[in-house]
Amino acid sequence: MSEKFALSMSDRGASTWNASQTQMDFMKNDRVILVNDADAVVGSESKENAHKFISTTQGALHRAFSVFLFDGSDRLLLQQRAANKITFPSVWTNTCCSHQLTGQIPDEVDTDEAIASGACTGARRAATRKLKHELGIEERDVPTASIKFLTRLHYCAADEFAENENQPDGGTWGEHEMDYILFAKIDRVGETLPMCVNAEEIDDVKWVSANELKEMMDPSSGLRWSPWFRIIAEKFLYAWWADLDAALSTDKYVDVKSIHRVM
């Protein structure tokens, strides 16, 4: 790796992910990738500790990804996070949102070179893993190679919706993320895509057009939305969506140099 910090051997590839864990098991056992403001790897941390917001810190900055999956009619697949999620329960958001992890086979830690080229293979592998876990979407239906990296977003947001009984120090949960934005598309009507939604992760899913999403996000709808999705929708989504073929098949919207900061 070209990063100054070299992950330990136990972090780099000693184990594979256990999808059968409880929500709190994921919090304690998943190891997220800590980075600095320039997205250089500086270490790893448990998902639980990285998401703790207390009076002296707003979580630990770590890598994440947000997948936007479109169907053959250019509709976007949304999910509503399950009510029992520890962080951001019951909010609507994009198709799949999670974290690249250390200790995975295949490796999910992108090097500087992988990011500079736009390959971001680690982030795309993590996306494939979580599409399967959360939605039951198989890699054959959304190949890892078909997932397109576009840009990165650095944001920080406390969770106003979470139950915080698991934080005895009186803190709250939140996200402080270097979010890799990923687009993908299937060549069929969304409803025909084989899925098996994981009820531990997701309460509902919905394919929507751009206009339908705008209606859903109108404050009059009463729906709650993840902060990262709101930021992406306001800054990028509709312009990319209106030019979806170019966004997916060319590098017109690929930006490997910028880190968009919304703090």
Protein backbone atom coordinates (compact mmCIF):
# COMPACT_ATOMS: atom_id res chain seq x y z
CA MET A 1 0.00 0.00 0.00
CA SER A 2 1.12 3.57 -0.61
CA GLU A 3 -0.67 4.86 2.50
CA LYS A 4 1.57 5.84 5.40
CA PHE A 5 -0.29 3.44 7.70
CA ALA A 6 0.05 -0.28 7.00
CA LEU A 7 -2.84 -2.37 8.31
CA SER A 8 -1.85 -5.29 10.51
CA MET A 9 -1.89 -8.82 9.19
CA SER A 10 -5.01 -9.58 11.26
CA ASP A 11 -6.75 -6.65 9.55
CA ARG A 12 -5.50 -7.34 6.05
CA GLY A 13 -7.06 -10.69 5.31
CA ALA A 14 -7.21 -13.19 8.12
CA SER A 15 -10.95 -13.78 8.00
CA THR A 16 -14.10 -13.42 5.96
CA TRP A 17 -17.32 -11.76 6.97
CA ASN A 18 -20.03 -13.50 8.99
CA ALA A 19 -23.42 -12.39 7.63
CA SER A 20 -25.41 -14.21 10.33
CA GLN A 21 -24.48 -11.87 13.18
CA THR A 22 -26.89 -9.71 15.19
CA GLN A 23 -26.97 -5.95 14.76
CA MET A 24 -24.84 -5.49 17.89
CA ASP A 25 -22.46 -8.25 16.77
CA PHE A 26 -21.87 -6.32 13.56
CA MET A 27 -21.19 -3.22 15.65
CA LYS A 28 -18.62 -4.98 17.79
CA ASN A 29 -16.97 -7.27 15.21
CA ASP A 30 -16.89 -5.33 11.93
CA ARG A 31 -13.65 -3.36 11.53
CA VAL A 32 -14.06 -0.18 9.52
CA ILE A 33 -11.20 1.60 7.73
CA LEU A 34 -10.12 4.80 9.47
CA VAL A 35 -8.85 7.60 7.23
CA ASN A 36 -7.72 11.21 7.51
CA ASP A 37 -9.25 14.20 5.71
CA ALA A 38 -7.31 13.28 2.56
CA ASP A 39 -8.73 9.71 2.63
CA ALA A 40 -5.36 8.17 3.52
CA VAL A 41 -5.67 5.05 5.66
CA VAL A 42 -4.60 5.64 9.27
CA GLY A 43 -5.93 2.53 11.02
CA SER A 44 -9.01 0.51 11.77
CA GLU A 45 -11.67 0.50 14.47
CA SER A 46 -14.75 -1.42 15.49
CA LYS A 47 -17.92 -0.21 13.82
CA GLU A 48 -19.32 0.50 17.29
CA ASN A 49 -16.52 2.81 18.40
CA ALA A 50 -16.33 4.59 15.05
CA HIS A 51 -20.01 5.53 15.29
CA LYS A 52 -20.02 6.83 18.86
CA PHE A 53 -20.63 10.56 19.20
CA ILE A 54 -19.74 11.88 22.64
CA SER A 55 -19.01 15.34 23.98
CA THR A 56 -15.35 15.21 22.96
CA THR A 57 -15.63 13.62 19.53
CA GLN A 58 -17.97 13.16 16.61
CA GLY A 59 -17.08 9.61 15.75
CA ALA A 60 -14.02 8.46 13.83
CA LEU A 61 -13.73 9.31 10.15
CA HIS A 62 -14.00 6.06 8.19
CA ARG A 63 -14.67 4.82 4.68
CA ALA A 64 -18.18 3.97 3.56
CA PHE A 65 -20.07 3.54 0.31
CA SER A 66 -23.50 4.37 -1.08
CA VAL A 67 -24.90 2.28 -3.94
CA PHE A 68 -27.49 3.68 -6.34
CA LEU A 69 -29.01 0.86 -8.40
CA PHE A 70 -31.19 1.74 -11.41
CA ASP A 71 -33.39 -0.49 -13.54
CA GLY A 72 -33.94 -0.63 -17.30
CA SER A 73 -36.52 2.17 -17.01
CA ASP A 74 -34.00 4.40 -15.18
CA ARG A 75 -35.82 4.01 -11.88
CA LEU A 76 -33.82 4.05 -8.65
CA LEU A 77 -34.19 1.36 -5.99
CA LEU A 78 -34.72 2.86 -2.53
CA GLN A 79 -34.74 1.09 0.80
CA GLN A 80 -36.22 1.94 4.17
CA ARG A 81 -33.82 0.88 6.89
CA ALA A 82 -35.25 -1.53 9.44
CA ALA A 83 -36.74 -0.14 12.64
CA ASN A 84 -34.33 -2.28 14.67
CA LYS A 85 -31.18 -0.82 13.09
CA ILE A 86 -28.96 0.65 15.78
CA THR A 87 -28.09 3.69 13.67
CA PHE A 88 -30.57 5.66 11.55
CA PRO A 89 -33.53 3.29 12.02
CA SER A 90 -36.59 3.54 9.75
CA VAL A 91 -35.14 6.22 7.47
CA TRP A 92 -35.43 6.02 3.68
CA THR A 93 -32.20 6.03 1.72
CA ASN A 94 -30.49 4.81 -1.44
CA THR A 95 -30.28 1.16 -2.51
CA CYS A 96 -27.54 0.06 -0.16
CA CYS A 97 -25.25 1.91 2.28
CA SER A 98 -22.52 0.35 4.36
CA HIS A 99 -18.77 0.19 4.99
CA GLN A 100 -15.66 -1.26 3.46
CA LEU A 101 -14.11 -3.51 6.09
CA THR A 102 -10.66 -4.76 6.98
CA GLY A 103 -9.96 -8.46 7.20
CA GLN A 104 -12.02 -9.42 4.16
CA ILE A 105 -11.28 -11.89 1.40
CA PRO A 106 -11.30 -10.49 -1.24
CA ASP A 107 -9.70 -7.32 0.11
CA GLU A 108 -11.89 -4.21 0.51
CA VAL A 109 -9.07 -1.74 1.33
CA ASP A 110 -8.49 0.49 -1.70
CA THR A 111 -4.99 1.83 -2.23
CA ASP A 112 -4.17 5.36 -3.38
CA GLU A 113 -3.51 3.93 -6.83
CA ALA A 114 -6.90 2.19 -6.98
CA ILE A 115 -8.63 5.44 -6.09
CA ALA A 116 -6.58 7.56 -8.51
CA SER A 117 -7.52 5.24 -11.37
CA GLY A 118 -11.20 5.20 -10.41
CA ALA A 119 -11.09 1.41 -10.05
CA CYS A 120 -11.98 1.45 -6.32
CA THR A 121 -12.18 -2.33 -6.40
CA GLY A 122 -12.36 -2.59 -2.62
CA ALA A 123 -15.42 -0.35 -2.39
CA ARG A 124 -17.09 -2.22 -5.24
CA ARG A 125 -16.40 -5.58 -3.60
CA ALA A 126 -17.93 -4.29 -0.36
CA ALA A 127 -20.97 -3.15 -2.32
CA THR A 128 -21.40 -6.62 -3.81
CA ARG A 129 -21.17 -8.16 -0.35
CA LYS A 130 -23.83 -5.90 1.11
CA LEU A 131 -26.19 -6.04 -1.87
CA LYS A 132 -26.29 -9.78 -1.23
CA HIS A 133 -26.64 -9.42 2.54
CA GLU A 134 -29.31 -6.72 2.65
CA LEU A 135 -31.29 -7.34 -0.53
CA GLY A 136 -30.38 -10.86 -1.62
CA ILE A 137 -29.09 -9.50 -4.93
CA GLU A 138 -26.60 -11.94 -6.43
CA GLU A 139 -23.33 -10.87 -8.02
CA ARG A 140 -24.42 -12.47 -11.30
CA ASP A 141 -27.29 -9.95 -11.49
CA VAL A 142 -25.23 -6.90 -10.53
CA PRO A 143 -21.62 -7.82 -11.35
CA THR A 144 -18.93 -6.13 -9.29
CA ALA A 145 -17.25 -5.02 -12.51
CA SER A 146 -20.43 -3.18 -13.58
CA ILE A 147 -20.49 -0.95 -10.48
CA LYS A 148 -19.24 2.54 -11.29
CA PHE A 149 -17.34 4.78 -8.87
CA LEU A 150 -18.18 8.47 -9.31
CA THR A 151 -16.81 10.54 -6.43
CA ARG A 152 -16.31 10.84 -2.64
CA LEU A 153 -18.26 12.74 0.00
CA HIS A 154 -16.92 13.64 3.46
CA TYR A 155 -19.77 14.42 5.84
CA CYS A 156 -20.63 14.20 9.52
CA ALA A 157 -24.13 13.80 10.96
CA ALA A 158 -25.48 12.84 14.38
CA ASP A 159 -28.34 10.36 14.44
CA GLU A 160 -31.47 12.08 15.70
CA PHE A 161 -33.55 8.92 15.25
CA ALA A 162 -31.50 6.24 17.06
CA GLU A 163 -32.21 4.69 20.43
CA ASN A 164 -29.13 5.34 22.53
CA GLU A 165 -29.52 2.90 25.41
CA ASN A 166 -26.42 1.09 24.16
CA GLN A 167 -24.30 4.16 24.96
CA PRO A 168 -23.98 4.29 28.76
CA ASP A 169 -21.71 7.34 28.54
CA GLY A 170 -24.68 9.45 27.49
CA GLY A 171 -23.49 9.90 23.94
CA THR A 172 -25.37 9.32 20.74
CA TRP A 173 -24.77 7.55 17.44
CA GLY A 174 -23.79 9.17 14.18
CA GLU A 175 -21.86 8.92 10.93
CA HIS A 176 -18.53 10.54 10.11
CA GLU A 177 -17.78 9.11 6.70
CA MET A 178 -15.66 9.26 3.61
CA ASP A 179 -18.50 8.03 1.40
CA TYR A 180 -17.72 6.43 -1.99
CA ILE A 181 -20.66 7.02 -4.34
CA LEU A 182 -21.34 4.05 -6.62
CA PHE A 183 -23.81 3.70 -9.52
CA ALA A 184 -25.03 0.50 -11.19
CA LYS A 185 -27.83 -0.48 -13.56
CA ILE A 186 -29.71 -3.62 -14.51
CA ASP A 187 -31.14 -4.16 -17.99
CA ARG A 188 -34.57 -5.30 -16.82
CA VAL A 189 -37.69 -3.98 -15.10
CA GLY A 190 -36.84 -3.62 -11.44
CA GLU A 191 -39.65 -5.82 -10.19
CA THR A 192 -38.18 -8.77 -12.12
CA LEU A 193 -34.81 -8.55 -10.37
CA PRO A 194 -34.48 -11.55 -8.01
CA MET A 195 -34.26 -10.23 -4.47
CA CYS A 196 -34.66 -11.62 -0.98
CA VAL A 197 -34.92 -8.65 1.35
CA ASN A 198 -33.31 -9.17 4.77
CA ALA A 199 -35.89 -8.10 7.35
CA GLU A 200 -33.15 -7.50 9.92
CA GLU A 201 -31.78 -4.78 7.66
CA ILE A 202 -34.68 -3.40 5.62
CA ASP A 203 -38.36 -2.68 6.24
CA ASP A 204 -39.37 -1.72 2.70
CA VAL A 205 -38.06 -1.16 -0.83
CA LYS A 206 -39.38 0.89 -3.72
CA TRP A 207 -38.40 1.60 -7.35
CA VAL A 208 -38.93 5.28 -8.15
CA SER A 209 -38.52 7.77 -10.98
CA ALA A 210 -36.80 11.10 -10.35
CA ASN A 211 -40.14 12.87 -10.09
CA GLU A 212 -41.50 10.26 -7.69
CA LEU A 213 -38.44 10.67 -5.50
CA LYS A 214 -38.91 14.44 -5.39
CA GLU A 215 -42.49 13.90 -4.25
CA MET A 216 -41.37 11.44 -1.57
CA MET A 217 -38.71 13.86 -0.32
CA ASP A 218 -41.11 16.78 -0.07
CA PRO A 219 -41.50 17.66 3.63
CA SER A 220 -45.26 17.19 3.31
CA SER A 221 -44.73 13.45 2.86
CA GLY A 222 -43.65 13.06 6.48
CA LEU A 223 -40.96 10.57 5.46
CA ARG A 224 -37.56 10.54 7.15
CA TRP A 225 -34.35 10.36 5.10
CA SER A 226 -30.75 9.50 5.84
CA PRO A 227 -28.49 12.56 5.97
CA TRP A 228 -26.04 11.15 3.42
CA PHE A 229 -28.84 10.54 0.93
CA ARG A 230 -30.18 14.07 1.37
CA ILE A 231 -26.73 15.51 0.72
CA ILE A 232 -26.14 13.37 -2.37
CA ALA A 233 -29.61 14.13 -3.74
CA GLU A 234 -29.15 17.87 -3.26
CA LYS A 235 -25.60 18.06 -4.65
CA PHE A 236 -25.34 15.43 -7.36
CA LEU A 237 -28.06 12.88 -7.92
CA TYR A 238 -30.54 14.52 -10.27
CA ALA A 239 -27.91 15.81 -12.69
CA TRP A 240 -26.28 12.39 -12.93
CA TRP A 241 -29.68 10.69 -13.16
CA ALA A 242 -30.74 12.90 -16.06
CA ASP A 243 -27.62 11.76 -17.94
CA LEU A 244 -27.56 8.22 -16.61
CA ASP A 245 -26.10 6.44 -19.62
CA ALA A 246 -23.11 8.79 -19.64
CA ALA A 247 -22.73 8.50 -15.87
CA LEU A 248 -22.50 4.72 -16.16
CA SER A 249 -20.71 4.16 -19.46
CA THR A 250 -18.21 7.04 -19.56
CA ASP A 251 -16.01 8.96 -17.14
CA LYS A 252 -17.95 12.20 -17.64
CA TYR A 253 -18.91 12.39 -13.96
CA VAL A 254 -16.01 10.47 -12.45
CA ASP A 255 -14.03 12.68 -10.07
CA VAL A 256 -11.13 10.92 -8.39
CA LYS A 257 -9.42 14.09 -7.20
CA SER A 258 -12.15 15.87 -5.27
CA ILE A 259 -13.43 15.09 -1.80
CA HIS A 260 -16.71 16.98 -1.42
CA ARG A 261 -17.05 18.17 2.17
CA VAL A 262 -20.37 18.88 3.88
CA MET A 263 -19.82 19.31 7.61
